[in-house]
N, C-alpha and C. Protein backbone atom coordinates (compact mmCIF):
# COMPACT_ATOMS: atom_id res chain seq x y z
N MET A 1 -108.94 64.41 63.34
CA MET A 1 -108.04 64.23 64.48
C MET A 1 -107.03 65.56 64.59
N SER A 2 -106.70 65.76 65.87
CA SER A 2 -105.87 66.85 65.84
C SER A 2 -104.94 66.56 67.08
N PHE A 3 -103.73 67.27 67.10
CA PHE A 3 -102.86 66.99 68.28
C PHE A 3 -102.46 68.44 68.90
N SER A 4 -101.77 68.28 70.01
CA SER A 4 -101.16 69.48 70.56
C SER A 4 -99.93 69.15 71.34
N PHE A 5 -99.03 70.47 71.32
CA PHE A 5 -97.72 69.93 72.16
C PHE A 5 -98.11 70.48 73.41
N THR A 6 -97.40 69.50 74.29
CA THR A 6 -97.52 69.86 75.62
C THR A 6 -96.14 70.08 76.28
N ASP A 7 -96.11 70.27 77.78
CA ASP A 7 -95.00 70.88 78.29
C ASP A 7 -93.74 69.87 78.01
N PRO A 8 -92.64 70.50 77.90
CA PRO A 8 -91.44 69.83 77.64
C PRO A 8 -91.16 68.84 78.73
N LYS A 9 -90.53 67.84 78.39
CA LYS A 9 -90.03 66.69 79.37
C LYS A 9 -88.86 67.25 80.02
N PRO A 10 -88.39 66.74 81.13
CA PRO A 10 -86.96 67.08 81.70
C PRO A 10 -85.82 67.06 80.87
N ASN A 11 -85.89 66.35 79.73
CA ASN A 11 -84.79 66.37 78.79
C ASN A 11 -85.00 67.46 77.88
N ASN A 12 -85.86 68.52 77.92
CA ASN A 12 -86.26 69.49 77.16
C ASN A 12 -86.96 68.89 75.60
N GLU A 13 -87.39 67.88 75.48
CA GLU A 13 -87.97 67.28 74.26
C GLU A 13 -89.31 67.68 74.35
N PRO A 14 -90.06 68.37 73.57
CA PRO A 14 -91.51 68.27 73.49
C PRO A 14 -92.02 67.18 73.31
N SER A 15 -93.24 67.02 73.74
CA SER A 15 -94.24 65.82 73.79
C SER A 15 -95.46 66.38 73.06
N PHE A 16 -96.10 65.62 72.67
CA PHE A 16 -97.52 65.85 71.98
C PHE A 16 -98.50 64.76 72.38
N SER A 17 -99.63 65.19 72.24
CA SER A 17 -100.84 64.33 72.45
C SER A 17 -101.97 64.40 71.62
N PHE A 18 -102.64 63.58 71.32
CA PHE A 18 -103.82 63.57 70.41
C PHE A 18 -105.13 63.99 71.39
N THR A 19 -105.99 64.74 70.63
CA THR A 19 -106.81 65.66 71.36
C THR A 19 -108.24 64.64 71.37
N GLU A 20 -108.25 63.63 70.12
CA GLU A 20 -109.39 63.04 70.07
C GLU A 20 -109.09 61.40 70.14
N PRO A 21 -109.88 60.73 70.81
CA PRO A 21 -109.73 59.12 70.65
C PRO A 21 -109.46 58.62 69.34
N THR A 22 -108.62 58.14 69.05
CA THR A 22 -108.59 57.51 67.50
C THR A 22 -107.76 56.12 67.87
N ASP A 23 -107.90 55.29 66.52
CA ASP A 23 -107.00 54.07 66.83
C ASP A 23 -105.73 54.43 66.40
N VAL A 24 -104.74 53.29 66.55
CA VAL A 24 -103.41 53.43 66.43
C VAL A 24 -103.17 53.78 65.02
N LYS A 25 -103.71 53.04 64.02
CA LYS A 25 -103.46 53.24 62.50
C LYS A 25 -103.56 54.58 62.30
N GLU A 26 -104.54 55.34 62.54
CA GLU A 26 -104.96 56.65 62.47
C GLU A 26 -103.80 57.44 63.06
N GLN A 27 -103.33 57.36 64.18
CA GLN A 27 -102.37 58.00 64.85
C GLN A 27 -101.18 57.89 64.08
N LEU A 28 -100.81 56.70 63.70
CA LEU A 28 -99.42 56.52 63.00
C LEU A 28 -99.51 57.26 61.51
N GLN A 29 -100.75 57.34 60.89
CA GLN A 29 -101.07 57.99 59.57
C GLN A 29 -100.74 59.48 59.92
N ALA A 30 -101.10 60.08 60.93
CA ALA A 30 -100.98 61.51 61.24
C ALA A 30 -99.62 61.77 61.43
N ILE A 31 -98.75 60.87 62.25
CA ILE A 31 -97.35 61.06 62.54
C ILE A 31 -96.65 61.01 61.08
N ALA A 32 -97.01 60.08 60.50
CA ALA A 32 -96.32 60.14 59.04
C ALA A 32 -96.48 61.30 58.11
N ASP A 33 -97.77 61.72 58.10
CA ASP A 33 -98.04 62.84 57.50
C ASP A 33 -97.22 64.15 58.01
N MET A 34 -97.10 64.45 59.34
CA MET A 34 -96.42 65.36 59.79
C MET A 34 -94.94 65.17 59.46
N ALA A 35 -94.46 63.93 59.32
CA ALA A 35 -93.01 63.94 59.02
C ALA A 35 -92.64 64.14 57.71
N HIS A 36 -93.63 63.79 56.89
CA HIS A 36 -93.46 64.05 55.34
C HIS A 36 -93.49 65.72 55.22
N LYS A 37 -94.36 66.28 55.93
CA LYS A 37 -94.51 67.78 55.74
C LYS A 37 -93.04 68.67 56.32
N ILE A 38 -92.64 67.99 57.32
CA ILE A 38 -91.26 68.46 57.90
C ILE A 38 -90.33 68.12 57.03
N LEU A 39 -90.21 66.94 56.35
CA LEU A 39 -89.25 66.75 55.44
C LEU A 39 -89.20 67.73 54.17
N ARG A 40 -90.34 68.03 53.71
CA ARG A 40 -90.53 68.96 52.55
C ARG A 40 -90.13 70.26 53.10
N LEU A 41 -90.55 70.76 54.07
CA LEU A 41 -90.09 72.12 54.60
C LEU A 41 -88.58 72.30 54.90
N VAL A 42 -87.98 71.10 55.34
CA VAL A 42 -86.40 71.27 55.53
C VAL A 42 -85.87 71.12 53.93
N ALA A 43 -86.40 70.44 52.94
CA ALA A 43 -85.90 70.40 51.61
C ALA A 43 -86.12 71.98 51.23
N ASP A 44 -87.07 72.54 51.42
CA ASP A 44 -87.25 73.83 51.02
C ASP A 44 -86.43 74.84 51.50
N VAL A 45 -86.03 74.62 52.88
CA VAL A 45 -85.13 75.54 53.56
C VAL A 45 -83.51 75.45 53.04
N ARG A 46 -83.32 74.02 52.89
CA ARG A 46 -81.85 73.80 52.18
C ARG A 46 -81.89 74.37 50.82
N GLN A 47 -82.99 74.16 49.97
CA GLN A 47 -82.98 75.08 48.62
C GLN A 47 -82.69 76.31 48.63
N GLN A 48 -83.21 77.21 49.75
CA GLN A 48 -83.23 78.43 49.84
C GLN A 48 -81.74 78.85 50.21
N ILE A 49 -81.17 78.10 51.31
CA ILE A 49 -79.81 78.31 51.76
C ILE A 49 -78.77 78.27 50.61
N SER A 50 -79.04 77.06 49.66
CA SER A 50 -78.05 76.77 48.56
C SER A 50 -78.10 77.91 47.50
N ASP A 51 -79.42 78.54 47.36
CA ASP A 51 -79.61 79.52 46.19
C ASP A 51 -78.74 80.74 46.27
């Protein structure tokens, strides 16, 4: 499964769409995986800033 970012909405928040038909459980897992990766990256940046 993959996703892509689409044009920003009027409130300038980007949206994304899944490029393959999948069930909701798989979509939620993909979103959870992305969120965990983002949180790890944020933690890495915070550690670099504090060093």
